[in-house]
Protein backbone atom coordinates (compact mmCIF):
# COMPACT_ATOMS: atom_id res chain seq x y z
CA MET A 1 0.00 0.00 0.00
CA LEU A 2 1.15 3.54 -0.80
CA HIS A 3 0.11 5.99 1.92
CA ILE A 4 0.02 9.72 1.15
CA GLU A 5 -0.36 11.26 4.61
CA ASN A 6 -0.74 14.87 3.40
CA PHE A 7 -2.92 15.62 0.39
CA GLU A 8 -0.49 18.15 -1.09
CA ASP A 9 2.38 15.64 -0.94
CA GLY A 10 0.74 13.57 -3.67
CA ILE A 11 1.19 16.08 -6.51
CA GLU A 12 3.77 13.97 -8.37
CA LEU A 13 1.56 10.90 -7.97
CA TYR A 14 -1.43 12.76 -9.41
CA LYS A 15 0.69 13.87 -12.37
CA ALA A 16 1.90 10.31 -12.96
CA LEU A 17 -1.67 9.03 -13.05
CA GLY A 18 -2.75 11.85 -15.37
CA SER A 19 -1.53 9.95 -18.43
CA GLU A 20 -3.62 7.31 -20.19
CA VAL A 21 -0.43 5.54 -21.29
CA ARG A 22 0.88 5.27 -17.73
CA VAL A 23 -2.48 4.02 -16.47
CA GLU A 24 -2.40 1.37 -19.23
CA ILE A 25 1.15 0.40 -18.16
CA ILE A 26 -0.04 -0.22 -14.60
CA LYS A 27 -3.01 -2.26 -15.85
CA LEU A 28 -0.79 -4.45 -18.04
CA LEU A 29 1.74 -5.05 -15.26
CA ILE A 30 -1.00 -6.09 -12.84
CA GLN A 31 -2.68 -8.37 -15.38
CA ASN A 32 0.60 -10.08 -16.33
CA LYS A 33 2.17 -10.00 -12.85
CA GLY A 34 5.14 -8.11 -14.23
CA MET A 35 6.62 -7.75 -17.74
CA ASN A 36 10.00 -6.97 -19.20
CA MET A 37 10.58 -3.67 -20.99
CA ASN A 38 10.59 -5.14 -24.49
CA GLU A 39 7.30 -6.97 -23.97
CA LEU A 40 5.70 -3.87 -22.49
CA ALA A 41 6.84 -1.55 -25.30
CA GLY A 42 5.56 -4.03 -27.91
CA LYS A 43 2.19 -4.37 -26.17
CA LEU A 44 1.77 -0.60 -26.01
CA GLY A 45 3.08 0.03 -29.51
CA ILE A 46 5.58 2.67 -28.37
CA THR A 47 9.36 2.98 -28.60
CA ALA A 48 11.69 1.78 -25.85
CA GLY A 49 12.77 5.38 -25.24
CA ALA A 50 9.22 6.60 -24.75
CA LEU A 51 8.48 3.67 -22.42
CA THR A 52 11.59 4.39 -20.34
CA ALA A 53 10.39 7.95 -19.70
CA HIS A 54 6.97 6.70 -18.55
CA ILE A 55 8.49 3.99 -16.33
CA LYS A 56 10.85 6.48 -14.66
CA LYS A 57 7.88 8.69 -13.83
CA LEU A 58 5.94 5.77 -12.33
CA GLU A 59 8.99 4.46 -10.47
CA SER A 60 9.70 7.84 -8.86
CA CYS A 61 6.20 7.77 -7.33
CA GLY A 62 6.49 4.20 -6.05
CA LEU A 63 3.89 2.86 -8.48
CA VAL A 64 6.31 0.62 -10.39
CA SER A 65 9.47 -1.21 -9.35
CA ILE A 66 12.24 -2.50 -11.62
CA SER A 67 14.42 -5.54 -11.08
CA GLY A 68 17.04 -7.25 -13.22
CA GLU A 69 16.53 -10.85 -14.29
CA ALA A 70 19.00 -13.03 -16.16
CA HIS A 71 17.49 -14.08 -19.47
CA GLY A 72 19.09 -15.42 -22.63
CA HIS A 73 22.28 -13.53 -23.44
CA GLY A 74 21.82 -10.71 -20.98
CA ASN A 75 19.69 -9.09 -18.30
CA GLN A 76 16.09 -8.11 -18.82
CA LYS A 77 14.59 -5.25 -16.82
CA ILE A 78 11.43 -6.61 -15.22
CA CYS A 79 8.74 -4.11 -14.28
CA SER A 80 6.08 -4.86 -11.66
CA VAL A 81 3.56 -3.06 -9.46
CA PRO A 82 4.65 -3.44 -5.81
CA ILE A 83 1.51 -1.99 -4.19
CA ASP A 84 -2.10 -3.09 -3.99
CA LYS A 85 -3.73 0.12 -2.72
CA ILE A 86 -3.23 3.88 -2.56
CA LEU A 87 -4.45 5.62 0.60
CA ILE A 88 -4.60 9.42 0.57
CA ASN A 89 -5.46 11.49 3.64
CA ILE A 90 -7.67 14.26 2.27
CA VAL A 91 -8.34 15.71 5.73
CA PRO A 92 -5.22 16.11 7.91
CA SER A 93 -5.06 15.00 11.55
CA GLU A 94 -6.55 17.29 14.15
CA PRO A 95 -4.06 20.12 14.71
CA THR A 96 -4.49 19.79 18.49
CA GLU A 97 -3.11 16.22 18.40
CA SER A 98 0.58 15.49 18.82
CA LEU A 99 2.28 12.49 17.26
CA TYR A 100 4.90 10.07 18.59
CA GLN A 101 6.51 7.73 16.03
CA THR A 102 8.75 4.70 16.44
CA GLU A 103 9.61 1.35 14.84
CA VAL A 104 9.71 -2.16 16.30
CA LYS A 105 11.95 -4.90 14.92
CA VAL A 106 10.24 -8.07 13.69
CA GLY A 107 12.21 -10.17 16.17
CA HIS A 108 11.43 -7.99 19.19
CA TYR A 109 8.22 -9.80 20.14
CA SER A 110 7.51 -10.25 23.84
CA SER A 111 5.31 -13.32 23.54
CA TYR A 112 4.61 -15.96 20.90
CA SER A 113 3.02 -19.29 20.02
CA ALA A 114 4.06 -20.82 16.69
CA TYR A 115 3.08 -24.03 14.93
CA PRO A 116 4.78 -25.49 11.81
CA THR A 117 5.35 -24.63 9.15
CA CYS A 118 7.31 -21.97 11.00
CA GLY A 119 10.67 -20.29 11.23
CA LEU A 120 12.57 -17.04 11.39
CA SER A 121 15.67 -15.55 9.84
CA THR A 122 18.05 -12.63 9.97
CA SER A 123 19.16 -10.89 6.78
CA GLU A 124 22.15 -13.24 6.67
CA GLN A 125 20.95 -16.68 7.79
CA LEU A 126 18.16 -18.81 9.18
CA ILE A 127 17.86 -18.94 12.95
CA GLY A 128 18.13 -22.59 13.95
CA GLU A 129 16.00 -25.18 12.16
CA VAL A 130 12.80 -24.47 10.25
CA ASP A 131 9.56 -25.96 11.56
CA ASP A 132 10.94 -26.13 15.12
CA PRO A 133 9.06 -23.59 17.30
CA ARG A 134 11.75 -23.78 20.00
CA TYR A 135 13.93 -21.43 17.95
CA PHE A 136 11.41 -18.62 18.42
CA ALA A 137 13.04 -18.35 21.89
CA HIS A 138 16.61 -18.32 20.53
CA PRO A 139 18.69 -15.26 21.57
CA ASP A 140 19.36 -14.48 17.89
CA ARG A 141 15.66 -13.90 17.30
CA PHE A 142 16.14 -10.23 18.27
CA ASN A 143 17.93 -9.83 14.92
CA ALA A 144 15.18 -11.56 12.92
CA ASP A 145 13.84 -9.64 9.93
CA ILE A 146 11.27 -12.21 8.82
CA LEU A 147 9.20 -14.82 10.65
CA TRP A 148 6.36 -17.13 9.72
CA PHE A 149 3.99 -19.73 11.18
CA THR A 150 0.86 -21.65 10.19
CA THR A 151 -1.18 -20.94 13.34
CA GLY A 152 -0.32 -19.09 16.53
CA TYR A 153 0.61 -15.50 17.33
CA VAL A 154 3.37 -12.98 17.95
CA GLU A 155 2.83 -10.11 20.38
CA TYR A 156 4.84 -6.90 20.61
CA ASP A 157 5.27 -4.38 23.42
CA ILE A 158 4.74 -1.03 21.71
CA PRO A 159 7.06 1.67 23.11
CA ASN A 160 4.98 4.32 24.83
CA PHE A 161 7.18 7.37 25.37
CA ILE A 162 4.60 10.09 24.91
CA PRO A 163 4.90 12.96 27.43
CA PRO A 164 3.32 12.61 30.89
CA ALA A 165 -0.34 13.45 31.51
CA GLN A 166 -1.39 12.65 27.92
CA ARG A 167 -4.27 10.56 26.55
CA ILE A 168 -3.84 8.42 23.43
CA THR A 169 -6.40 9.20 20.70
CA GLN A 170 -5.11 6.99 17.88
CA LEU A 171 -2.74 4.08 17.33
CA ALA A 172 -1.49 3.32 13.81
CA ILE A 173 0.53 0.23 12.84
CA SER A 174 2.15 -0.04 9.38
CA VAL A 175 3.48 -3.51 8.54
CA GLU A 176 4.25 -5.76 5.56
CA ILE A 177 2.51 -9.12 5.98
CA SER A 178 1.18 -12.11 4.03
CA SER A 179 -0.11 -15.66 4.48
CA GLU A 180 2.14 -18.69 4.99
CA ALA A 181 1.67 -21.51 2.48
CA PRO A 182 3.77 -24.63 1.98
CA GLY A 183 6.28 -23.11 -0.43
CA ILE A 184 4.47 -20.17 -2.08
CA ASN A 185 0.91 -19.72 -3.28
CA SER A 186 -0.64 -16.38 -4.29
CA ASP A 187 -4.10 -17.89 -3.76
CA TRP A 188 -3.80 -18.96 -0.11
CA PRO A 189 -6.22 -16.92 2.04
CA SER A 190 -5.52 -16.48 5.72
CA ASP A 191 -7.60 -14.78 8.42
CA ILE A 192 -5.14 -12.66 10.38
CA SER A 193 -6.52 -11.21 13.61
CA PHE A 194 -5.29 -8.12 15.44
CA PHE A 195 -5.39 -7.71 19.21
CA LEU A 196 -4.73 -4.66 21.36
CA ASN A 197 -4.01 -5.44 25.02
CA LYS A 198 -5.51 -8.94 24.58
CA LYS A 199 -8.75 -7.59 23.05
CA LEU A 200 -9.67 -8.52 19.46
CA ILE A 201 -9.96 -5.31 17.45
CA GLY A 202 -10.41 -6.73 13.96
CA MET A 203 -9.46 -9.25 11.29
CA TRP A 204 -8.14 -9.06 7.73
CA THR A 205 -7.94 -11.88 5.19
CA SER A 206 -4.58 -12.03 3.44
CA PRO A 207 -5.08 -13.24 -0.15
CA GLY A 208 -1.89 -15.30 -0.41
CA ASP A 209 1.78 -16.05 0.19
CA PHE A 210 3.67 -14.24 -2.55
CA GLY A 211 6.73 -15.48 -4.43
CA ASP A 212 6.07 -14.89 -8.13
CA VAL A 213 8.95 -12.40 -8.26
CA PRO A 214 11.79 -11.74 -5.80
CA GLY A 215 11.13 -9.21 -3.06
CA ILE A 216 12.87 -5.91 -3.76
CA PHE A 217 14.82 -6.09 -0.49
CA THR A 218 14.79 -9.86 0.04
CA PRO A 219 18.43 -11.11 0.26
CA ASP A 220 19.89 -12.83 -2.82
CA TRP A 221 20.65 -15.99 -0.82
CA TRP A 222 16.99 -16.45 0.17
CA PHE A 223 15.28 -19.55 -1.22
CA PRO A 224 13.37 -18.78 -4.44
CA ASN A 225 10.41 -21.01 -3.52
CA TRP A 226 9.89 -19.28 -0.14
CA ASN A 227 8.03 -16.11 0.86
CA GLN A 228 9.40 -13.19 -1.15
CA TYR A 229 7.21 -10.23 -0.21
CA GLY A 230 3.95 -9.23 1.45
CA LEU A 231 1.39 -6.43 1.31
CA LEU A 232 1.90 -3.22 3.24
CA LYS A 233 -1.10 -2.78 5.53
CA LEU A 234 -2.02 0.17 7.72
CA ILE A 235 -4.01 -0.74 10.84
CA VAL A 236 -5.55 2.22 12.66
CA ILE A 237 -7.65 2.29 15.81
CA ASN A 238 -9.15 5.63 16.83
CA ARG A 239 -12.31 6.95 18.44
CA HIS A 240 -14.36 6.00 15.35
CA GLY A 241 -13.37 2.31 15.30
CA THR A 242 -10.68 0.09 13.79
CA PHE A 243 -9.61 0.42 10.16
CA ILE A 244 -7.25 -1.28 7.73
CA ASP A 245 -6.13 0.81 4.75
CA GLY A 246 -8.94 3.23 5.55
CA LEU A 247 -11.70 0.57 5.51
CA LYS A 248 -13.52 -0.04 8.78
CA ILE A 249 -13.14 -3.59 10.08
CA SER A 250 -14.75 -3.24 13.52
CA ASP A 251 -16.45 -0.81 15.89
CA VAL A 252 -13.80 -1.31 18.58
CA SER A 253 -12.50 2.19 19.38
CA ILE A 254 -9.42 3.53 21.14
CA ASP A 255 -11.63 4.99 23.90
CA GLU A 256 -12.41 1.47 25.15
CA PHE A 257 -8.79 1.07 26.28
CA ASP A 258 -8.36 4.35 28.19
CA LEU A 259 -4.71 4.54 27.14
CA THR A 260 -2.49 7.23 28.66
CA SER A 261 1.22 7.96 28.94
CA ASN A 262 1.35 5.40 31.78
CA SER A 263 -0.30 2.57 29.82
CA LYS A 264 1.35 -0.58 28.56
CA ILE A 265 0.50 -1.24 24.90
CA LYS A 266 0.62 -4.79 23.55
CA PHE A 267 -0.20 -5.52 19.91
CA ARG A 268 -0.73 -9.09 18.67
CA PHE A 269 -0.93 -10.68 15.21
CA ALA A 270 -2.63 -14.08 15.28
CA VAL A 271 -4.01 -16.88 13.13
CA ASP A 272 -6.50 -19.14 14.91
CA LYS A 273 -6.51 -22.84 14.01
CA ASP A 274 -10.33 -22.67 13.99
CA ALA A 275 -10.48 -19.70 11.62
CA GLU A 276 -12.36 -20.08 8.34
CA HIS A 277 -9.06 -19.55 6.51
CA PRO A 278 -6.18 -20.66 8.77
CA GLY A 279 -3.61 -19.89 6.08
CA GLY A 280 -0.72 -18.78 8.27
CA PHE A 281 1.17 -15.55 8.80
CA THR A 282 4.43 -13.98 7.59
CA ILE A 283 5.83 -10.64 8.71
CA PHE A 284 8.61 -8.83 6.85
CA GLY A 285 11.23 -6.44 8.23
CA LYS A 286 13.35 -3.89 6.42
CA THR A 287 15.74 -6.41 4.78
CA PHE A 288 12.96 -8.58 3.33
CA GLY A 289 9.99 -7.94 1.05
CA ASN A 290 9.16 -4.80 -0.91
CA TYR A 291 9.30 -2.15 1.81
CA ALA A 292 12.44 -1.13 3.69
CA GLN A 293 10.73 -0.82 7.06
CA ASP A 294 10.17 -2.65 10.30
CA ILE A 295 6.86 -2.37 12.19
CA LYS A 296 6.10 1.35 12.08
CA VAL A 297 4.07 2.80 14.94
CA GLY A 298 2.33 6.16 15.22
CA ILE A 299 0.65 7.31 18.45
CA ASN A 300 -1.55 10.42 18.46
CA TYR A 301 -2.18 12.03 21.84
CA VAL A 302 -3.69 15.06 23.57
CA PRO A 303 -3.54 16.40 27.16
CA LEU A 304 -5.61 14.36 29.60
CA ASN A 305 -7.89 17.29 30.37
CA GLU A 306 -8.77 17.92 26.70
CA GLU A 307 -12.10 16.45 25.60
CA SER A 308 -12.41 14.39 22.40
CA LYS A 309 -13.55 16.47 19.46
């Protein structure tokens, strides 16, 4: 997902989408799950030079990514669309609200329960043996940048360093996630649930476990038939309910938790074995997948004596 937090920051994106040719390029790349430059130019009936100019414009906005792939007597530039949604904040956050931002490493979970297939890895090597949940307690897990399991959960302590005497009005979690299939399978739905301080706040169904092309940041040594990338999802809980990518998934609101500067905040990702689609869970850190980020956290807050607006 591409998130434009301020409406005016999206000017270059709007310009990029103001061309019928560039819109057609995106459509073709989605339909064909990526194409090389020669194929794309031939399909559009334009020169390679003209296509290059369009691709550069789309790449600069994050709408298209380019990777090299060995093919025949040389390297082909493969173009693909790395995002599934564009979220634009038309109305900015309330000016009276302050914002605290931080990131949490994938391996910095405080609690877990994992069932095979499962495993975790740093950017350089696997941690222990795959499909052995004991290694989720290994000391090296703090350096993990990817982890996966079929059913179970991982729970993170969210740093809460907002100033004293403040009330939390919104919690936003940005994370790259997918299902966990045996090998890879883009059609492998999984019901992933989200919990805040042990309370279920909502559920999202991941469509699959993606490996059709290498992840942009996934290490070269990583196994080609394993998880390559996920989808960037934005989970927000505020006084209006809980949302994912701007779509409401439950009526559970932030006010139900009465969170202040003194509160502990625990956030859990889980897949229940009794779910309709128990298709597993994978979470990607900054050295895996298509987004160079860990678990991004945003906490909006106001003074305790200020009423909700």
